[in-house]
Amino acid sequence: MMEWLINAPVWIQTPLVFLALFVVCTVLALVWQVIALRIFPASAEEKRVHGALTLRELWASRSTNPASDKQED
């Protein structure tokens, strides 16, 4: 069943291996970050310095009118 992949040329196997490693490492990093934030929750000072930590907070903090953020010369 997987013989086509095993017998495939290296130029096909290499990007597939990198893609698989990227996906696995990304998932592991997200899981470790969630675990770390549950063990060591961010203090109020850290939240203030680093900004929003959740997607809900990030969406809530988005500007509704980006043109108003520009400074006038």
PDB file of N, CA and C in Angstrom:
ATOM      1  N   MET A   1       0.812  -1.205   0.000  1.00  0.00           N
ATOM      2  CA  MET A   1       0.000   0.000   0.000  1.00  0.00           C
ATOM      3  C   MET A   1       0.858   1.273   0.000  1.00  0.00           C
ATOM      4  N   MET A   2       1.911   1.287   0.795  1.00  0.00           N
ATOM      5  CA  MET A   2       2.783   2.461   0.874  1.00  0.00           C
ATOM      6  C   MET A   2       4.028   2.308  -0.001  1.00  0.00           C
ATOM      7  N   GLU A   3       4.062   1.297  -0.836  1.00  0.00           N
ATOM      8  CA  GLU A   3       5.241   1.061  -1.663  1.00  0.00           C
ATOM      9  C   GLU A   3       5.487   2.196  -2.645  1.00  0.00           C
ATOM     10  N   TRP A   4       4.435   2.846  -3.112  1.00  0.00           N
ATOM     11  CA  TRP A   4       4.611   3.958  -4.048  1.00  0.00           C
ATOM     12  C   TRP A   4       5.394   5.092  -3.382  1.00  0.00           C
ATOM     13  N   LEU A   5       5.185   5.272  -2.063  1.00  0.00           N
ATOM     14  CA  LEU A   5       5.909   6.324  -1.352  1.00  0.00           C
ATOM     15  C   LEU A   5       7.345   5.904  -1.067  1.00  0.00           C
ATOM     16  N   ILE A   6       7.524   4.659  -0.691  1.00  0.00           N
ATOM     17  CA  ILE A   6       8.871   4.159  -0.404  1.00  0.00           C
ATOM     18  C   ILE A   6       9.714   4.146  -1.672  1.00  0.00           C
ATOM     19  N   ASN A   7       9.108   3.810  -2.791  1.00  0.00           N
ATOM     20  CA  ASN A   7       9.843   3.735  -4.052  1.00  0.00           C
ATOM     21  C   ASN A   7       9.874   5.061  -4.809  1.00  0.00           C
ATOM     22  N   ALA A   8       9.266   6.089  -4.268  1.00  0.00           N
ATOM     23  CA  ALA A   8       9.237   7.393  -4.942  1.00  0.00           C
ATOM     24  C   ALA A   8      10.626   8.025  -4.929  1.00  0.00           C
ATOM     25  N   PRO A   9      10.882   8.909  -5.884  1.00  0.00           N
ATOM     26  CA  PRO A   9      12.178   9.594  -5.909  1.00  0.00           C
ATOM     27  C   PRO A   9      12.363  10.480  -4.671  1.00  0.00           C
ATOM     28  N   VAL A  10      13.609  10.761  -4.376  1.00  0.00           N
ATOM     29  CA  VAL A  10      13.939  11.565  -3.200  1.00  0.00           C
ATOM     30  C   VAL A  10      13.329  12.956  -3.306  1.00  0.00           C
ATOM     31  N   TRP A  11      13.247  13.517  -4.495  1.00  0.00           N
ATOM     32  CA  TRP A  11      12.708  14.876  -4.639  1.00  0.00           C
ATOM     33  C   TRP A  11      11.216  14.928  -4.319  1.00  0.00           C
ATOM     34  N   ILE A  12      10.548  13.777  -4.281  1.00  0.00           N
ATOM     35  CA  ILE A  12       9.152  13.725  -3.834  1.00  0.00           C
ATOM     36  C   ILE A  12       9.088  13.424  -2.337  1.00  0.00           C
ATOM     37  N   GLN A  13       9.941  12.536  -1.862  1.00  0.00           N
ATOM     38  CA  GLN A  13       9.929  12.146  -0.456  1.00  0.00           C
ATOM     39  C   GLN A  13      10.345  13.283   0.473  1.00  0.00           C
ATOM     40  N   THR A  14      11.341  14.051   0.085  1.00  0.00           N
ATOM     41  CA  THR A  14      11.871  15.090   0.970  1.00  0.00           C
ATOM     42  C   THR A  14      10.829  16.137   1.350  1.00  0.00           C
ATOM     43  N   PRO A  15      10.109  16.742   0.406  1.00  0.00           N
ATOM     44  CA  PRO A  15       9.088  17.714   0.826  1.00  0.00           C
ATOM     45  C   PRO A  15       7.987  17.089   1.678  1.00  0.00           C
ATOM     46  N   LEU A  16       7.638  15.831   1.407  1.00  0.00           N
ATOM     47  CA  LEU A  16       6.616  15.166   2.207  1.00  0.00           C
ATOM     48  C   LEU A  16       7.086  14.951   3.640  1.00  0.00           C
ATOM     49  N   VAL A  17       8.353  14.594   3.803  1.00  0.00           N
ATOM     50  CA  VAL A  17       8.908  14.424   5.149  1.00  0.00           C
ATOM     51  C   VAL A  17       8.925  15.758   5.877  1.00  0.00           C
ATOM     52  N   PHE A  18       9.351  16.822   5.210  1.00  0.00           N
ATOM     53  CA  PHE A  18       9.366  18.143   5.849  1.00  0.00           C
ATOM     54  C   PHE A  18       7.955  18.599   6.215  1.00  0.00           C
ATOM     55  N   LEU A  19       7.001  18.340   5.360  1.00  0.00           N
ATOM     56  CA  LEU A  19       5.616  18.707   5.655  1.00  0.00           C
ATOM     57  C   LEU A  19       5.094  17.933   6.866  1.00  0.00           C
ATOM     58  N   ALA A  20       5.374  16.653   6.920  1.00  0.00           N
ATOM     59  CA  ALA A  20       4.935  15.837   8.053  1.00  0.00           C
ATOM     60  C   ALA A  20       5.598  16.303   9.344  1.00  0.00           C
ATOM     61  N   LEU A  21       6.890  16.597   9.292  1.00  0.00           N
ATOM     62  CA  LEU A  21       7.590  17.095  10.481  1.00  0.00           C
ATOM     63  C   LEU A  21       7.036  18.440  10.928  1.00  0.00           C
ATOM     64  N   PHE A  22       6.734  19.302   9.984  1.00  0.00           N
ATOM     65  CA  PHE A  22       6.180  20.613  10.321  1.00  0.00           C
ATOM     66  C   PHE A  22       4.843  20.471  11.037  1.00  0.00           C
ATOM     67  N   VAL A  23       3.988  19.602  10.518  1.00  0.00           N
ATOM     68  CA  VAL A  23       2.670  19.404  11.131  1.00  0.00           C
ATOM     69  C   VAL A  23       2.818  18.824  12.535  1.00  0.00           C
ATOM     70  N   VAL A  24       3.648  17.817  12.689  1.00  0.00           N
ATOM     71  CA  VAL A  24       3.840  17.190  14.001  1.00  0.00           C
ATOM     72  C   VAL A  24       4.429  18.185  14.994  1.00  0.00           C
ATOM     73  N   CYS A  25       5.438  18.928  14.588  1.00  0.00           N
ATOM     74  CA  CYS A  25       6.070  19.897  15.492  1.00  0.00           C
ATOM     75  C   CYS A  25       5.118  21.031  15.860  1.00  0.00           C
ATOM     76  N   THR A  26       4.304  21.476  14.928  1.00  0.00           N
ATOM     77  CA  THR A  26       3.337  22.534  15.223  1.00  0.00           C
ATOM     78  C   THR A  26       2.314  22.067  16.248  1.00  0.00           C
ATOM     79  N   VAL A  27       1.802  20.869  16.066  1.00  0.00           N
ATOM     80  CA  VAL A  27       0.823  20.331  17.019  1.00  0.00           C
ATOM     81  C   VAL A  27       1.457  20.164  18.395  1.00  0.00           C
ATOM     82  N   LEU A  28       2.665  19.619  18.451  1.00  0.00           N
ATOM     83  CA  LEU A  28       3.344  19.460  19.736  1.00  0.00           C
ATOM     84  C   LEU A  28       3.597  20.800  20.412  1.00  0.00           C
ATOM     85  N   ALA A  29       4.006  21.796  19.656  1.00  0.00           N
ATOM     86  CA  ALA A  29       4.261  23.117  20.237  1.00  0.00           C
ATOM     87  C   ALA A  29       2.986  23.719  20.811  1.00  0.00           C
ATOM     88  N   LEU A  30       1.878  23.592  20.103  1.00  0.00           N
ATOM     89  CA  LEU A  30       0.609  24.122  20.612  1.00  0.00           C
ATOM     90  C   LEU A  30       0.161  23.390  21.872  1.00  0.00           C
ATOM     91  N   VAL A  31       0.312  22.073  21.891  1.00  0.00           N
ATOM     92  CA  VAL A  31      -0.067  21.295  23.076  1.00  0.00           C
ATOM     93  C   VAL A  31       0.806  21.682  24.258  1.00  0.00           C
ATOM     94  N   TRP A  32       2.110  21.795  24.042  1.00  0.00           N
ATOM     95  CA  TRP A  32       3.012  22.170  25.137  1.00  0.00           C
ATOM     96  C   TRP A  32       2.717  23.575  25.639  1.00  0.00           C
ATOM     97  N   GLN A  33       2.357  24.471  24.749  1.00  0.00           N
ATOM     98  CA  GLN A  33       2.034  25.831  25.167  1.00  0.00           C
ATOM     99  C   GLN A  33       0.769  25.853  26.017  1.00  0.00           C
ATOM    100  N   VAL A  34      -0.240  25.092  25.622  1.00  0.00           N
ATOM    101  CA  VAL A  34      -1.472  25.023  26.414  1.00  0.00           C
ATOM    102  C   VAL A  34      -1.178  24.435  27.792  1.00  0.00           C
ATOM    103  N   ILE A  35      -0.388  23.368  27.839  1.00  0.00           N
ATOM    104  CA  ILE A  35      -0.032  22.759  29.122  1.00  0.00           C
ATOM    105  C   ILE A  35       0.745  23.745  29.985  1.00  0.00           C
ATOM    106  N   ALA A  36       1.701  24.433  29.391  1.00  0.00           N
ATOM    107  CA  ALA A  36       2.515  25.389  30.154  1.00  0.00           C
ATOM    108  C   ALA A  36       1.668  26.536  30.691  1.00  0.00           C
ATOM    109  N   LEU A  37       0.723  27.026  29.899  1.00  0.00           N
ATOM    110  CA  LEU A  37      -0.112  28.129  30.368  1.00  0.00           C
ATOM    111  C   LEU A  37      -1.097  27.678  31.443  1.00  0.00           C
ATOM    112  N   ARG A  38      -1.444  26.399  31.462  1.00  0.00           N
ATOM    113  CA  ARG A  38      -2.311  25.904  32.537  1.00  0.00           C
ATOM    114  C   ARG A  38      -1.511  25.689  33.819  1.00  0.00           C
ATOM    115  N   ILE A  39      -0.256  25.279  33.698  1.00  0.00           N
ATOM    116  CA  ILE A  39       0.583  25.080  34.882  1.00  0.00           C
ATOM    117  C   ILE A  39       1.043  26.424  35.433  1.00  0.00           C
ATOM    118  N   PHE A  40       1.497  27.297  34.549  1.00  0.00           N
ATOM    119  CA  PHE A  40       1.991  28.617  34.942  1.00  0.00           C
ATOM    120  C   PHE A  40       1.140  29.689  34.270  1.00  0.00           C
ATOM    121  N   PRO A  41      -0.018  30.016  34.822  1.00  0.00           N
ATOM    122  CA  PRO A  41      -0.866  31.024  34.175  1.00  0.00           C
ATOM    123  C   PRO A  41      -0.195  32.396  34.181  1.00  0.00           C
ATOM    124  N   ALA A  42      -0.485  33.168  33.170  1.00  0.00           N
ATOM    125  CA  ALA A  42       0.104  34.506  33.045  1.00  0.00           C
ATOM    126  C   ALA A  42      -0.501  35.431  34.095  1.00  0.00           C
ATOM    127  N   SER A  43       0.363  36.238  34.699  1.00  0.00           N
ATOM    128  CA  SER A  43      -0.121  37.208  35.683  1.00  0.00           C
ATOM    129  C   SER A  43      -0.732  38.403  34.950  1.00  0.00           C
ATOM    130  N   ALA A  44      -1.374  39.273  35.712  1.00  0.00           N
ATOM    131  CA  ALA A  44      -1.988  40.462  35.111  1.00  0.00           C
ATOM    132  C   ALA A  44      -0.924  41.349  34.463  1.00  0.00           C
ATOM    133  N   GLU A  45       0.241  41.444  35.091  1.00  0.00           N
ATOM    134  CA  GLU A  45       1.335  42.254  34.528  1.00  0.00           C
ATOM    135  C   GLU A  45       1.823  41.660  33.204  1.00  0.00           C
ATOM    136  N   GLU A  46       1.962  40.339  33.143  1.00  0.00           N
ATOM    137  CA  GLU A  46       2.393  39.694  31.899  1.00  0.00           C
ATOM    138  C   GLU A  46       1.357  39.877  30.798  1.00  0.00           C
ATOM    139  N   LYS A  47       0.090  39.763  31.148  1.00  0.00           N
ATOM    140  CA  LYS A  47      -0.960  39.975  30.152  1.00  0.00           C
ATOM    141  C   LYS A  47      -0.929  41.404  29.630  1.00  0.00           C
ATOM    142  N   ARG A  48      -0.649  42.361  30.512  1.00  0.00           N
ATOM    143  CA  ARG A  48      -0.593  43.763  30.089  1.00  0.00           C
ATOM    144  C   ARG A  48       0.594  43.989  29.159  1.00  0.00           C
ATOM    145  N   VAL A  49       1.744  43.415  29.497  1.00  0.00           N
ATOM    146  CA  VAL A  49       2.963  43.631  28.708  1.00  0.00           C
ATOM    147  C   VAL A  49       2.893  42.895  27.369  1.00  0.00           C
ATOM    148  N   HIS A  50       2.456  41.642  27.379  1.00  0.00           N
ATOM    149  CA  HIS A  50       2.462  40.822  26.167  1.00  0.00           C
ATOM    150  C   HIS A  50       1.203  40.962  25.332  1.00  0.00           C
ATOM    151  N   GLY A  51       0.190  41.558  25.873  1.00  0.00           N
ATOM    152  CA  GLY A  51      -1.044  41.745  25.120  1.00  0.00           C
ATOM    153  C   GLY A  51      -1.988  40.583  25.294  1.00  0.00           C
ATOM    154  N   ALA A  52      -2.974  40.504  24.406  1.00  0.00           N
ATOM    155  CA  ALA A  52      -4.021  39.490  24.498  1.00  0.00           C
ATOM    156  C   ALA A  52      -3.436  38.104  24.261  1.00  0.00           C
ATOM    157  N   LEU A  53      -3.915  37.148  25.025  1.00  0.00           N
ATOM    158  CA  LEU A  53      -3.424  35.786  24.895  1.00  0.00           C
ATOM    159  C   LEU A  53      -4.421  34.852  24.218  1.00  0.00           C
ATOM    160  N   THR A  54      -5.689  35.218  24.173  1.00  0.00           N
ATOM    161  CA  THR A  54      -6.685  34.346  23.560  1.00  0.00           C
ATOM    162  C   THR A  54      -7.151  34.945  22.237  1.00  0.00           C
ATOM    163  N   LEU A  55      -7.664  34.083  21.377  1.00  0.00           N
ATOM    164  CA  LEU A  55      -8.158  34.563  20.089  1.00  0.00           C
ATOM    165  C   LEU A  55      -9.332  35.509  20.275  1.00  0.00           C
ATOM    166  N   ARG A  56     -10.176  35.235  21.264  1.00  0.00           N
ATOM    167  CA  ARG A  56     -11.324  36.106  21.519  1.00  0.00           C
ATOM    168  C   ARG A  56     -10.840  37.515  21.889  1.00  0.00           C
ATOM    169  N   GLU A  57      -9.802  37.599  22.735  1.00  0.00           N
ATOM    170  CA  GLU A  57      -9.266  38.907  23.108  1.00  0.00           C
ATOM    171  C   GLU A  57      -8.613  39.598  21.915  1.00  0.00           C
ATOM    172  N   LEU A  58      -7.931  38.802  21.065  1.00  0.00           N
ATOM    173  CA  LEU A  58      -7.300  39.392  19.883  1.00  0.00           C
ATOM    174  C   LEU A  58      -8.344  39.985  18.944  1.00  0.00           C
ATOM    175  N   TRP A  59      -9.447  39.256  18.704  1.00  0.00           N
ATOM    176  CA  TRP A  59     -10.502  39.755  17.824  1.00  0.00           C
ATOM    177  C   TRP A  59     -11.187  40.966  18.437  1.00  0.00           C
ATOM    178  N   ALA A  60     -11.357  40.962  19.764  1.00  0.00           N
ATOM    179  CA  ALA A  60     -12.019  42.083  20.427  1.00  0.00           C
ATOM    180  C   ALA A  60     -11.160  43.342  20.374  1.00  0.00           C
ATOM    181  N   SER A  61      -9.839  43.165  20.329  1.00  0.00           N
ATOM    182  CA  SER A  61      -8.956  44.327  20.350  1.00  0.00           C
ATOM    183  C   SER A  61      -8.699  44.911  18.964  1.00  0.00           C
ATOM    184  N   ARG A  62      -9.197  44.257  17.917  1.00  0.00           N
ATOM    185  CA  ARG A  62      -8.977  44.761  16.552  1.00  0.00           C
ATOM    186  C   ARG A  62      -9.701  46.075  16.347  1.00  0.00           C
ATOM    187  N   SER A  63      -9.057  46.938  15.621  1.00  0.00           N
ATOM    188  CA  SER A  63      -9.653  48.239  15.342  1.00  0.00           C
ATOM    189  C   SER A  63     -10.769  48.093  14.308  1.00  0.00           C
ATOM    190  N   THR A  64     -11.884  48.773  14.547  1.00  0.00           N
ATOM    191  CA  THR A  64     -12.986  48.707  13.589  1.00  0.00           C
ATOM    192  C   THR A  64     -12.760  49.638  12.409  1.00  0.00           C
ATOM    193  N   ASN A  65     -11.929  50.662  12.605  1.00  0.00           N
ATOM    194  CA  ASN A  65     -11.648  51.615  11.541  1.00  0.00           C
ATOM    195  C   ASN A  65     -10.134  51.806  11.455  1.00  0.00           C
ATOM    196  N   PRO A  66      -9.429  51.011  10.630  1.00  0.00           N
ATOM    197  CA  PRO A  66      -7.974  51.103  10.561  1.00  0.00           C
ATOM    198  C   PRO A  66      -7.479  52.471  10.103  1.00  0.00           C
ATOM    199  N   ALA A  67      -8.272  53.199   9.344  1.00  0.00           N
ATOM    200  CA  ALA A  67      -7.828  54.508   8.858  1.00  0.00           C
ATOM    201  C   ALA A  67      -7.685  55.501  10.006  1.00  0.00           C
ATOM    202  N   SER A  68      -8.441  55.321  11.069  1.00  0.00           N
ATOM    203  CA  SER A  68      -8.362  56.259  12.191  1.00  0.00           C
ATOM    204  C   SER A  68      -7.095  56.057  13.002  1.00  0.00           C
ATOM    205  N   ASP A  69      -6.399  54.917  12.809  1.00  0.00           N
ATOM    206  CA  ASP A  69      -5.167  54.656  13.541  1.00  0.00           C
ATOM    207  C   ASP A  69      -3.979  55.414  12.956  1.00  0.00           C
ATOM    208  N   LYS A  70      -4.100  55.878  11.719  1.00  0.00           N
ATOM    209  CA  LYS A  70      -2.993  56.577  11.072  1.00  0.00           C
ATOM    210  C   LYS A  70      -2.862  57.983  11.642  1.00  0.00           C
ATOM    211  N   GLN A  71      -1.602  58.401  11.795  1.00  0.00           N
ATOM    212  CA  GLN A  71      -1.364  59.754  12.287  1.00  0.00           C
ATOM    213  C   GLN A  71      -1.400  60.724  11.117  1.00  0.00           C
ATOM    214  N   GLU A  72      -1.941  61.870  11.366  1.00  0.00           N
ATOM    215  CA  GLU A  72      -2.007  62.885  10.319  1.00  0.00           C
ATOM    216  C   GLU A  72      -0.726  63.704  10.336  1.00  0.00           C
ATOM    217  N   ASP A  73      -0.228  64.033   9.155  1.00  0.00           N
ATOM    218  CA  ASP A  73       1.015  64.817   9.055  1.00  0.00           C
ATOM    219  C   ASP A  73       0.737  66.289   9.138  1.00  0.00           C
TER     220      ASP A  73
END
